[in-house]
mmCIF file of all heavy atoms, coordinates in Angstrom:
data_MODEL
# 
_entry.id   MODEL 
# 
loop_
_atom_site.group_PDB 
_atom_site.id 
_atom_site.type_symbol 
_atom_site.label_atom_id 
_atom_site.label_alt_id 
_atom_site.label_comp_id 
_atom_site.label_asym_id 
_atom_site.label_entity_id 
_atom_site.label_seq_id 
_atom_site.pdbx_PDB_ins_code 
_atom_site.Cartn_x 
_atom_site.Cartn_y 
_atom_site.Cartn_z 
_atom_site.occupancy 
_atom_site.B_iso_or_equiv 
_atom_site.pdbx_formal_charge 
_atom_site.auth_seq_id 
_atom_site.auth_comp_id 
_atom_site.auth_asym_id 
_atom_site.auth_atom_id 
_atom_site.pdbx_PDB_model_num 
ATOM 1   N N   . ARG A 1 1  ? 12.957 27.155 96.285  1.00 0.00 ? 1  ARG A N   1 
ATOM 2   C CA  . ARG A 1 1  ? 11.550 27.345 96.668  1.00 0.00 ? 1  ARG A CA  1 
ATOM 3   C C   . ARG A 1 1  ? 10.764 27.762 95.447  1.00 0.00 ? 1  ARG A C   1 
ATOM 4   O O   . ARG A 1 1  ? 11.321 28.266 94.492  1.00 0.00 ? 1  ARG A O   1 
ATOM 5   C CB  . ARG A 1 1  ? 11.421 28.459 97.723  1.00 0.00 ? 1  ARG A CB  1 
ATOM 6   C CG  . ARG A 1 1  ? 12.141 28.165 99.019  1.00 0.00 ? 1  ARG A CG  1 
ATOM 7   C CD  . ARG A 1 1  ? 12.419 29.465 99.774  1.00 0.00 ? 1  ARG A CD  1 
ATOM 8   N NE  . ARG A 1 1  ? 13.293 29.225 100.906 1.00 0.00 ? 1  ARG A NE  1 
ATOM 9   C CZ  . ARG A 1 1  ? 12.851 28.983 102.132 1.00 0.00 ? 1  ARG A CZ  1 
ATOM 10  N NH1 . ARG A 1 1  ? 11.554 28.975 102.386 1.00 0.00 ? 1  ARG A NH1 1 
ATOM 11  N NH2 . ARG A 1 1  ? 13.699 28.765 103.112 1.00 0.00 ? 1  ARG A NH2 1 
ATOM 12  N N   . ALA A 1 2  ? 9.463  27.583 95.525  1.00 0.00 ? 2  ALA A N   1 
ATOM 13  C CA  . ALA A 1 2  ? 8.597  28.057 94.443  1.00 0.00 ? 2  ALA A CA  1 
ATOM 14  C C   . ALA A 1 2  ? 7.295  28.504 95.082  1.00 0.00 ? 2  ALA A C   1 
ATOM 15  O O   . ALA A 1 2  ? 7.057  28.258 96.269  1.00 0.00 ? 2  ALA A O   1 
ATOM 16  C CB  . ALA A 1 2  ? 8.346  26.935 93.447  1.00 0.00 ? 2  ALA A CB  1 
ATOM 17  N N   . GLU A 1 3  ? 6.456  29.136 94.309  1.00 0.00 ? 3  GLU A N   1 
ATOM 18  C CA  . GLU A 1 3  ? 5.153  29.595 94.805  1.00 0.00 ? 3  GLU A CA  1 
ATOM 19  C C   . GLU A 1 3  ? 4.404  28.375 95.387  1.00 0.00 ? 3  GLU A C   1 
ATOM 20  O O   . GLU A 1 3  ? 4.151  27.398 94.680  1.00 0.00 ? 3  GLU A O   1 
ATOM 21  C CB  . GLU A 1 3  ? 4.373  30.184 93.619  1.00 0.00 ? 3  GLU A CB  1 
ATOM 22  C CG  . GLU A 1 3  ? 3.101  30.930 94.023  1.00 0.00 ? 3  GLU A CG  1 
ATOM 23  C CD  . GLU A 1 3  ? 3.377  32.211 94.797  1.00 0.00 ? 3  GLU A CD  1 
ATOM 24  O OE1 . GLU A 1 3  ? 4.272  32.984 94.379  1.00 0.00 ? 3  GLU A OE1 1 
ATOM 25  O OE2 . GLU A 1 3  ? 2.695  32.417 95.823  1.00 0.00 ? 3  GLU A OE2 1 
ATOM 26  N N   . GLY A 1 4  ? 4.122  28.444 96.691  1.00 0.00 ? 4  GLY A N   1 
ATOM 27  C CA  . GLY A 1 4  ? 3.367  27.354 97.325  1.00 0.00 ? 4  GLY A CA  1 
ATOM 28  C C   . GLY A 1 4  ? 4.184  26.088 97.561  1.00 0.00 ? 4  GLY A C   1 
ATOM 29  O O   . GLY A 1 4  ? 3.635  25.040 97.892  1.00 0.00 ? 4  GLY A O   1 
ATOM 30  N N   . TYR A 1 5  ? 5.515  26.176 97.359  1.00 0.00 ? 5  TYR A N   1 
ATOM 31  C CA  . TYR A 1 5  ? 6.360  24.983 97.586  1.00 0.00 ? 5  TYR A CA  1 
ATOM 32  C C   . TYR A 1 5  ? 7.557  25.342 98.447  1.00 0.00 ? 5  TYR A C   1 
ATOM 33  O O   . TYR A 1 5  ? 8.418  26.137 98.063  1.00 0.00 ? 5  TYR A O   1 
ATOM 34  C CB  . TYR A 1 5  ? 6.836  24.430 96.234  1.00 0.00 ? 5  TYR A CB  1 
ATOM 35  C CG  . TYR A 1 5  ? 7.879  23.320 96.332  1.00 0.00 ? 5  TYR A CG  1 
ATOM 36  C CD1 . TYR A 1 5  ? 7.574  22.089 96.922  1.00 0.00 ? 5  TYR A CD1 1 
ATOM 37  C CD2 . TYR A 1 5  ? 9.177  23.491 95.826  1.00 0.00 ? 5  TYR A CD2 1 
ATOM 38  C CE1 . TYR A 1 5  ? 8.529  21.072 97.006  1.00 0.00 ? 5  TYR A CE1 1 
ATOM 39  C CE2 . TYR A 1 5  ? 10.131 22.483 95.903  1.00 0.00 ? 5  TYR A CE2 1 
ATOM 40  C CZ  . TYR A 1 5  ? 9.804  21.275 96.495  1.00 0.00 ? 5  TYR A CZ  1 
ATOM 41  O OH  . TYR A 1 5  ? 10.741 20.268 96.578  1.00 0.00 ? 5  TYR A OH  1 
ATOM 42  N N   . ASP A 1 6  ? 7.565  24.778 99.665  1.00 0.00 ? 6  ASP A N   1 
ATOM 43  C CA  . ASP A 1 6  ? 8.698  24.973 100.563 1.00 0.00 ? 6  ASP A CA  1 
ATOM 44  C C   . ASP A 1 6  ? 9.324  23.590 100.776 1.00 0.00 ? 6  ASP A C   1 
ATOM 45  O O   . ASP A 1 6  ? 8.690  22.700 101.371 1.00 0.00 ? 6  ASP A O   1 
ATOM 46  C CB  . ASP A 1 6  ? 8.217  25.560 101.901 1.00 0.00 ? 6  ASP A CB  1 
ATOM 47  C CG  . ASP A 1 6  ? 9.366  25.767 102.875 1.00 0.00 ? 6  ASP A CG  1 
ATOM 48  O OD1 . ASP A 1 6  ? 10.439 25.194 102.642 1.00 0.00 ? 6  ASP A OD1 1 
ATOM 49  O OD2 . ASP A 1 6  ? 9.181  26.486 103.879 1.00 0.00 ? 6  ASP A OD2 1 
ATOM 50  N N   . PRO A 1 7  ? 10.548 23.371 100.273 1.00 0.00 ? 7  PRO A N   1 
ATOM 51  C CA  . PRO A 1 7  ? 11.153 22.041 100.372 1.00 0.00 ? 7  PRO A CA  1 
ATOM 52  C C   . PRO A 1 7  ? 11.213 21.499 101.807 1.00 0.00 ? 7  PRO A C   1 
ATOM 53  O O   . PRO A 1 7  ? 11.050 20.306 102.023 1.00 0.00 ? 7  PRO A O   1 
ATOM 54  C CB  . PRO A 1 7  ? 12.556 22.225 99.811  1.00 0.00 ? 7  PRO A CB  1 
ATOM 55  C CG  . PRO A 1 7  ? 12.614 23.568 99.192  1.00 0.00 ? 7  PRO A CG  1 
ATOM 56  C CD  . PRO A 1 7  ? 11.411 24.329 99.584  1.00 0.00 ? 7  PRO A CD  1 
ATOM 57  N N   . LEU A 1 8  ? 11.414 22.400 102.790 1.00 0.00 ? 8  LEU A N   1 
ATOM 58  C CA  . LEU A 1 8  ? 11.491 21.932 104.179 1.00 0.00 ? 8  LEU A CA  1 
ATOM 59  C C   . LEU A 1 8  ? 10.152 21.346 104.629 1.00 0.00 ? 8  LEU A C   1 
ATOM 60  O O   . LEU A 1 8  ? 10.097 20.257 105.211 1.00 0.00 ? 8  LEU A O   1 
ATOM 61  C CB  . LEU A 1 8  ? 11.927 23.082 105.102 1.00 0.00 ? 8  LEU A CB  1 
ATOM 62  C CG  . LEU A 1 8  ? 12.039 22.703 106.589 1.00 0.00 ? 8  LEU A CG  1 
ATOM 63  C CD1 . LEU A 1 8  ? 13.015 21.557 106.799 1.00 0.00 ? 8  LEU A CD1 1 
ATOM 64  C CD2 . LEU A 1 8  ? 12.461 23.914 107.417 1.00 0.00 ? 8  LEU A CD2 1 
ATOM 65  N N   . GLN A 1 9  ? 9.067  22.075 104.323 1.00 0.00 ? 9  GLN A N   1 
ATOM 66  C CA  . GLN A 1 9  ? 7.720  21.580 104.669 1.00 0.00 ? 9  GLN A CA  1 
ATOM 67  C C   . GLN A 1 9  ? 7.470  20.232 103.999 1.00 0.00 ? 9  GLN A C   1 
ATOM 68  O O   . GLN A 1 9  ? 6.958  19.301 104.607 1.00 0.00 ? 9  GLN A O   1 
ATOM 69  C CB  . GLN A 1 9  ? 6.647  22.577 104.183 1.00 0.00 ? 9  GLN A CB  1 
ATOM 70  C CG  . GLN A 1 9  ? 6.675  23.929 104.861 1.00 0.00 ? 9  GLN A CG  1 
ATOM 71  C CD  . GLN A 1 9  ? 6.226  23.852 106.326 1.00 0.00 ? 9  GLN A CD  1 
ATOM 72  O OE1 . GLN A 1 9  ? 5.576  22.897 106.732 1.00 0.00 ? 9  GLN A OE1 1 
ATOM 73  N NE2 . GLN A 1 9  ? 6.598  24.851 107.098 1.00 0.00 ? 9  GLN A NE2 1 
ATOM 74  N N   . LYS A 1 10 ? 7.863  20.162 102.722 1.00 0.00 ? 10 LYS A N   1 
ATOM 75  C CA  . LYS A 1 10 ? 7.633  18.939 101.934 1.00 0.00 ? 10 LYS A CA  1 
ATOM 76  C C   . LYS A 1 10 ? 8.413  17.762 102.521 1.00 0.00 ? 10 LYS A C   1 
ATOM 77  O O   . LYS A 1 10 ? 7.906  16.647 102.626 1.00 0.00 ? 10 LYS A O   1 
ATOM 78  C CB  . LYS A 1 10 ? 8.059  19.199 100.475 1.00 0.00 ? 10 LYS A CB  1 
ATOM 79  C CG  . LYS A 1 10 ? 7.808  18.040 99.516  1.00 0.00 ? 10 LYS A CG  1 
ATOM 80  C CD  . LYS A 1 10 ? 6.330  17.763 99.296  1.00 0.00 ? 10 LYS A CD  1 
ATOM 81  C CE  . LYS A 1 10 ? 6.101  16.602 98.370  1.00 0.00 ? 10 LYS A CE  1 
ATOM 82  N NZ  . LYS A 1 10 ? 4.736  16.096 98.403  1.00 0.00 ? 10 LYS A NZ  1 
ATOM 83  N N   . LEU A 1 11 ? 9.665  18.036 102.908 1.00 0.00 ? 11 LEU A N   1 
ATOM 84  C CA  . LEU A 1 11 ? 10.516 16.984 103.478 1.00 0.00 ? 11 LEU A CA  1 
ATOM 85  C C   . LEU A 1 11 ? 9.911  16.459 104.783 1.00 0.00 ? 11 LEU A C   1 
ATOM 86  O O   . LEU A 1 11 ? 9.848  15.245 105.013 1.00 0.00 ? 11 LEU A O   1 
ATOM 87  C CB  . LEU A 1 11 ? 11.923 17.538 103.725 1.00 0.00 ? 11 LEU A CB  1 
ATOM 88  C CG  . LEU A 1 11 ? 13.016 16.482 103.903 1.00 0.00 ? 11 LEU A CG  1 
ATOM 89  C CD1 . LEU A 1 11 ? 13.430 15.900 102.562 1.00 0.00 ? 11 LEU A CD1 1 
ATOM 90  C CD2 . LEU A 1 11 ? 14.245 17.060 104.587 1.00 0.00 ? 11 LEU A CD2 1 
ATOM 91  N N   . MET A 1 12 ? 9.434  17.393 105.625 1.00 0.00 ? 12 MET A N   1 
ATOM 92  C CA  . MET A 1 12 ? 8.818  17.002 106.903 1.00 0.00 ? 12 MET A CA  1 
ATOM 93  C C   . MET A 1 12 ? 7.573  16.145 106.661 1.00 0.00 ? 12 MET A C   1 
ATOM 94  O O   . MET A 1 12 ? 7.316  15.161 107.348 1.00 0.00 ? 12 MET A O   1 
ATOM 95  C CB  . MET A 1 12 ? 8.482  18.240 107.734 1.00 0.00 ? 12 MET A CB  1 
ATOM 96  C CG  . MET A 1 12 ? 9.729  18.894 108.321 1.00 0.00 ? 12 MET A CG  1 
ATOM 97  S SD  . MET A 1 12 ? 9.453  20.606 108.801 1.00 0.00 ? 12 MET A SD  1 
ATOM 98  C CE  . MET A 1 12 ? 8.385  20.402 110.215 1.00 0.00 ? 12 MET A CE  1 
ATOM 99  N N   . GLU A 1 13 ? 6.839  16.533 105.640 1.00 0.00 ? 13 GLU A N   1 
ATOM 100 C CA  . GLU A 1 13 ? 5.620  15.802 105.268 1.00 0.00 ? 13 GLU A CA  1 
ATOM 101 C C   . GLU A 1 13 ? 5.972  14.377 104.791 1.00 0.00 ? 13 GLU A C   1 
ATOM 102 O O   . GLU A 1 13 ? 5.366  13.397 105.194 1.00 0.00 ? 13 GLU A O   1 
ATOM 103 C CB  . GLU A 1 13 ? 4.980  16.596 104.123 1.00 0.00 ? 13 GLU A CB  1 
ATOM 104 C CG  . GLU A 1 13 ? 3.552  16.235 103.780 1.00 0.00 ? 13 GLU A CG  1 
ATOM 105 C CD  . GLU A 1 13 ? 3.123  17.059 102.555 1.00 0.00 ? 13 GLU A CD  1 
ATOM 106 O OE1 . GLU A 1 13 ? 3.171  18.317 102.610 1.00 0.00 ? 13 GLU A OE1 1 
ATOM 107 O OE2 . GLU A 1 13 ? 2.808  16.431 101.533 1.00 0.00 ? 13 GLU A OE2 1 
ATOM 108 N N   . LEU A 1 14 ? 7.001  14.293 103.924 1.00 0.00 ? 14 LEU A N   1 
ATOM 109 C CA  . LEU A 1 14 ? 7.408  12.993 103.367 1.00 0.00 ? 14 LEU A CA  1 
ATOM 110 C C   . LEU A 1 14 ? 7.884  12.028 104.446 1.00 0.00 ? 14 LEU A C   1 
ATOM 111 O O   . LEU A 1 14 ? 7.690  10.823 104.346 1.00 0.00 ? 14 LEU A O   1 
ATOM 112 C CB  . LEU A 1 14 ? 8.545  13.173 102.347 1.00 0.00 ? 14 LEU A CB  1 
ATOM 113 C CG  . LEU A 1 14 ? 8.191  13.626 100.940 1.00 0.00 ? 14 LEU A CG  1 
ATOM 114 C CD1 . LEU A 1 14 ? 9.460  13.831 100.116 1.00 0.00 ? 14 LEU A CD1 1 
ATOM 115 C CD2 . LEU A 1 14 ? 7.313  12.600 100.236 1.00 0.00 ? 14 LEU A CD2 1 
ATOM 116 N N   . PHE A 1 15 ? 8.556  12.586 105.460 1.00 0.00 ? 15 PHE A N   1 
ATOM 117 C CA  . PHE A 1 15 ? 9.155  11.707 106.476 1.00 0.00 ? 15 PHE A CA  1 
ATOM 118 C C   . PHE A 1 15 ? 8.387  11.684 107.795 1.00 0.00 ? 15 PHE A C   1 
ATOM 119 O O   . PHE A 1 15 ? 8.902  11.207 108.794 1.00 0.00 ? 15 PHE A O   1 
ATOM 120 C CB  . PHE A 1 15 ? 10.620 12.100 106.709 1.00 0.00 ? 15 PHE A CB  1 
ATOM 121 C CG  . PHE A 1 15 ? 11.502 11.707 105.567 1.00 0.00 ? 15 PHE A CG  1 
ATOM 122 C CD1 . PHE A 1 15 ? 11.819 12.617 104.566 1.00 0.00 ? 15 PHE A CD1 1 
ATOM 123 C CD2 . PHE A 1 15 ? 12.000 10.416 105.454 1.00 0.00 ? 15 PHE A CD2 1 
ATOM 124 C CE1 . PHE A 1 15 ? 12.609 12.258 103.486 1.00 0.00 ? 15 PHE A CE1 1 
ATOM 125 C CE2 . PHE A 1 15 ? 12.796 10.047 104.384 1.00 0.00 ? 15 PHE A CE2 1 
ATOM 126 C CZ  . PHE A 1 15 ? 13.099 10.965 103.402 1.00 0.00 ? 15 PHE A CZ  1 
ATOM 127 N N   . GLU A 1 16 ? 7.160  12.144 107.759 1.00 0.00 ? 16 GLU A N   1 
ATOM 128 C CA  . GLU A 1 16 ? 6.362  12.134 108.987 1.00 0.00 ? 16 GLU A CA  1 
ATOM 129 C C   . GLU A 1 16 ? 6.119  10.685 109.432 1.00 0.00 ? 16 GLU A C   1 
ATOM 130 O O   . GLU A 1 16 ? 5.675  9.841  108.658 1.00 0.00 ? 16 GLU A O   1 
ATOM 131 C CB  . GLU A 1 16 ? 5.013  12.818 108.733 1.00 0.00 ? 16 GLU A CB  1 
ATOM 132 C CG  . GLU A 1 16 ? 4.309  13.146 110.035 1.00 0.00 ? 16 GLU A CG  1 
ATOM 133 C CD  . GLU A 1 16 ? 3.014  13.933 109.804 1.00 0.00 ? 16 GLU A CD  1 
ATOM 134 O OE1 . GLU A 1 16 ? 2.723  14.289 108.647 1.00 0.00 ? 16 GLU A OE1 1 
ATOM 135 O OE2 . GLU A 1 16 ? 2.320  14.165 110.788 1.00 0.00 ? 16 GLU A OE2 1 
ATOM 136 N N   . GLY A 1 17 ? 6.483  10.422 110.671 1.00 0.00 ? 17 GLY A N   1 
ATOM 137 C CA  . GLY A 1 17 ? 6.251  9.084  111.223 1.00 0.00 ? 17 GLY A CA  1 
ATOM 138 C C   . GLY A 1 17 ? 7.185  8.015  110.682 1.00 0.00 ? 17 GLY A C   1 
ATOM 139 O O   . GLY A 1 17 ? 7.024  6.824  110.968 1.00 0.00 ? 17 GLY A O   1 
ATOM 140 N N   . VAL A 1 18 ? 8.177  8.418  109.901 1.00 0.00 ? 18 VAL A N   1 
ATOM 141 C CA  . VAL A 1 18 ? 9.110  7.420  109.348 1.00 0.00 ? 18 VAL A CA  1 
ATOM 142 C C   . VAL A 1 18 ? 10.280 7.222  110.304 1.00 0.00 ? 18 VAL A C   1 
ATOM 143 O O   . VAL A 1 18 ? 10.873 8.185  110.780 1.00 0.00 ? 18 VAL A O   1 
ATOM 144 C CB  . VAL A 1 18 ? 9.661  7.891  107.973 1.00 0.00 ? 18 VAL A CB  1 
ATOM 145 C CG1 . VAL A 1 18 ? 10.772 6.960  107.484 1.00 0.00 ? 18 VAL A CG1 1 
ATOM 146 C CG2 . VAL A 1 18 ? 8.545  7.946  106.949 1.00 0.00 ? 18 VAL A CG2 1 
ATOM 147 N N   . ASN A 1 19 ? 10.571 5.974  110.632 1.00 0.00 ? 19 ASN A N   1 
ATOM 148 C CA  . ASN A 1 19 ? 11.794 5.681  111.382 1.00 0.00 ? 19 ASN A CA  1 
ATOM 149 C C   . ASN A 1 19 ? 12.463 4.468  110.738 1.00 0.00 ? 19 ASN A C   1 
ATOM 150 O O   . ASN A 1 19 ? 11.927 3.868  109.812 1.00 0.00 ? 19 ASN A O   1 
ATOM 151 C CB  . ASN A 1 19 ? 11.489 5.436  112.870 1.00 0.00 ? 19 ASN A CB  1 
ATOM 152 C CG  . ASN A 1 19 ? 10.465 4.331  113.052 1.00 0.00 ? 19 ASN A CG  1 
ATOM 153 O OD1 . ASN A 1 19 ? 10.399 3.390  112.255 1.00 0.00 ? 19 ASN A OD1 1 
ATOM 154 N ND2 . ASN A 1 19 ? 9.667  4.426  114.100 1.00 0.00 ? 19 ASN A ND2 1 
ATOM 155 N N   . MET A 1 20 ? 13.624 4.101  111.262 1.00 0.00 ? 20 MET A N   1 
ATOM 156 C CA  . MET A 1 20 ? 14.385 2.997  110.657 1.00 0.00 ? 20 MET A CA  1 
ATOM 157 C C   . MET A 1 20 ? 13.565 1.710  110.621 1.00 0.00 ? 20 MET A C   1 
ATOM 158 O O   . MET A 1 20 ? 13.560 0.979  109.646 1.00 0.00 ? 20 MET A O   1 
ATOM 159 C CB  . MET A 1 20 ? 15.686 2.747  111.446 1.00 0.00 ? 20 MET A CB  1 
ATOM 160 C CG  . MET A 1 20 ? 16.827 3.670  111.080 1.00 0.00 ? 20 MET A CG  1 
ATOM 161 S SD  . MET A 1 20 ? 17.231 3.684  109.320 1.00 0.00 ? 20 MET A SD  1 
ATOM 162 C CE  . MET A 1 20 ? 18.207 2.201  109.190 1.00 0.00 ? 20 MET A CE  1 
ATOM 163 N N   . LYS A 1 21 ? 12.841 1.460  111.715 1.00 0.00 ? 21 LYS A N   1 
ATOM 164 C CA  . LYS A 1 21 ? 12.080 0.205  111.827 1.00 0.00 ? 21 LYS A CA  1 
ATOM 165 C C   . LYS A 1 21 ? 10.998 0.145  110.743 1.00 0.00 ? 21 LYS A C   1 
ATOM 166 O O   . LYS A 1 21 ? 10.880 -0.834 110.013 1.00 0.00 ? 21 LYS A O   1 
ATOM 167 C CB  . LYS A 1 21 ? 11.463 0.105  113.230 1.00 0.00 ? 21 LYS A CB  1 
ATOM 168 C CG  . LYS A 1 21 ? 10.850 -1.251 113.550 1.00 0.00 ? 21 LYS A CG  1 
ATOM 169 C CD  . LYS A 1 21 ? 10.574 -1.361 115.056 1.00 0.00 ? 21 LYS A CD  1 
ATOM 170 C CE  . LYS A 1 21 ? 9.980  -2.708 115.406 1.00 0.00 ? 21 LYS A CE  1 
ATOM 171 N NZ  . LYS A 1 21 ? 8.583  -2.841 115.063 1.00 0.00 ? 21 LYS A NZ  1 
ATOM 172 N N   . SER A 1 22 ? 10.231 1.247  110.609 1.00 0.00 ? 22 SER A N   1 
ATOM 173 C CA  . SER A 1 22 ? 9.142  1.237  109.629 1.00 0.00 ? 22 SER A CA  1 
ATOM 174 C C   . SER A 1 22 ? 9.694  1.180  108.200 1.00 0.00 ? 22 SER A C   1 
ATOM 175 O O   . SER A 1 22 ? 9.121  0.556  107.323 1.00 0.00 ? 22 SER A O   1 
ATOM 176 C CB  . SER A 1 22 ? 8.248  2.467  109.803 1.00 0.00 ? 22 SER A CB  1 
ATOM 177 O OG  . SER A 1 22 ? 8.927  3.634  109.401 1.00 0.00 ? 22 SER A OG  1 
ATOM 178 N N   . MET A 1 23 ? 10.874 1.829  107.980 1.00 0.00 ? 23 MET A N   1 
ATOM 179 C CA  . MET A 1 23 ? 11.483 1.790  106.651 1.00 0.00 ? 23 MET A CA  1 
ATOM 180 C C   . MET A 1 23 ? 11.919 0.380  106.291 1.00 0.00 ? 23 MET A C   1 
ATOM 181 O O   . MET A 1 23 ? 11.697 -0.109 105.189 1.00 0.00 ? 23 MET A O   1 
ATOM 182 C CB  . MET A 1 23 ? 12.699 2.722  106.586 1.00 0.00 ? 23 MET A CB  1 
ATOM 183 C CG  . MET A 1 23 ? 12.343 4.129  106.126 1.00 0.00 ? 23 MET A CG  1 
ATOM 184 S SD  . MET A 1 23 ? 13.802 5.167  106.037 1.00 0.00 ? 23 MET A SD  1 
ATOM 185 C CE  . MET A 1 23 ? 14.462 4.736  104.444 1.00 0.00 ? 23 MET A CE  1 
ATOM 186 N N   . LYS A 1 24 ? 12.549 -0.301 107.282 1.00 0.00 ? 24 LYS A N   1 
ATOM 187 C CA  . LYS A 1 24 ? 13.017 -1.672 107.041 1.00 0.00 ? 24 LYS A CA  1 
ATOM 188 C C   . LYS A 1 24 ? 11.850 -2.608 106.771 1.00 0.00 ? 24 LYS A C   1 
ATOM 189 O O   . LYS A 1 24 ? 11.907 -3.449 105.877 1.00 0.00 ? 24 LYS A O   1 
ATOM 190 C CB  . LYS A 1 24 ? 13.830 -2.168 108.245 1.00 0.00 ? 24 LYS A CB  1 
ATOM 191 C CG  . LYS A 1 24 ? 15.280 -1.732 108.157 1.00 0.00 ? 24 LYS A CG  1 
ATOM 192 C CD  . LYS A 1 24 ? 16.168 -2.436 109.143 1.00 0.00 ? 24 LYS A CD  1 
ATOM 193 C CE  . LYS A 1 24 ? 17.624 -2.069 108.898 1.00 0.00 ? 24 LYS A CE  1 
ATOM 194 N NZ  . LYS A 1 24 ? 18.389 -1.942 110.113 1.00 0.00 ? 24 LYS A NZ  1 
ATOM 195 N N   . GLU A 1 25 ? 10.781 -2.438 107.547 1.00 0.00 ? 25 GLU A N   1 
ATOM 196 C CA  . GLU A 1 25 ? 9.603  -3.295 107.357 1.00 0.00 ? 25 GLU A CA  1 
ATOM 197 C C   . GLU A 1 25 ? 8.982  -3.048 105.988 1.00 0.00 ? 25 GLU A C   1 
ATOM 198 O O   . GLU A 1 25 ? 8.584  -3.972 105.288 1.00 0.00 ? 25 GLU A O   1 
ATOM 199 C CB  . GLU A 1 25 ? 8.581  -3.047 108.474 1.00 0.00 ? 25 GLU A CB  1 
ATOM 200 C CG  . GLU A 1 25 ? 8.983  -3.732 109.777 1.00 0.00 ? 25 GLU A CG  1 
ATOM 201 C CD  . GLU A 1 25 ? 8.178  -3.239 110.979 1.00 0.00 ? 25 GLU A CD  1 
ATOM 202 O OE1 . GLU A 1 25 ? 7.249  -2.422 110.797 1.00 0.00 ? 25 GLU A OE1 1 
ATOM 203 O OE2 . GLU A 1 25 ? 8.499  -3.673 112.109 1.00 0.00 ? 25 GLU A OE2 1 
# 
């Protein structure tokens, strides 16, 4: 972690709305 950076929050943000179908497309 770092000041203002939480890897869990970031990961959730990066993968929001991502599923196998959208990734494949």
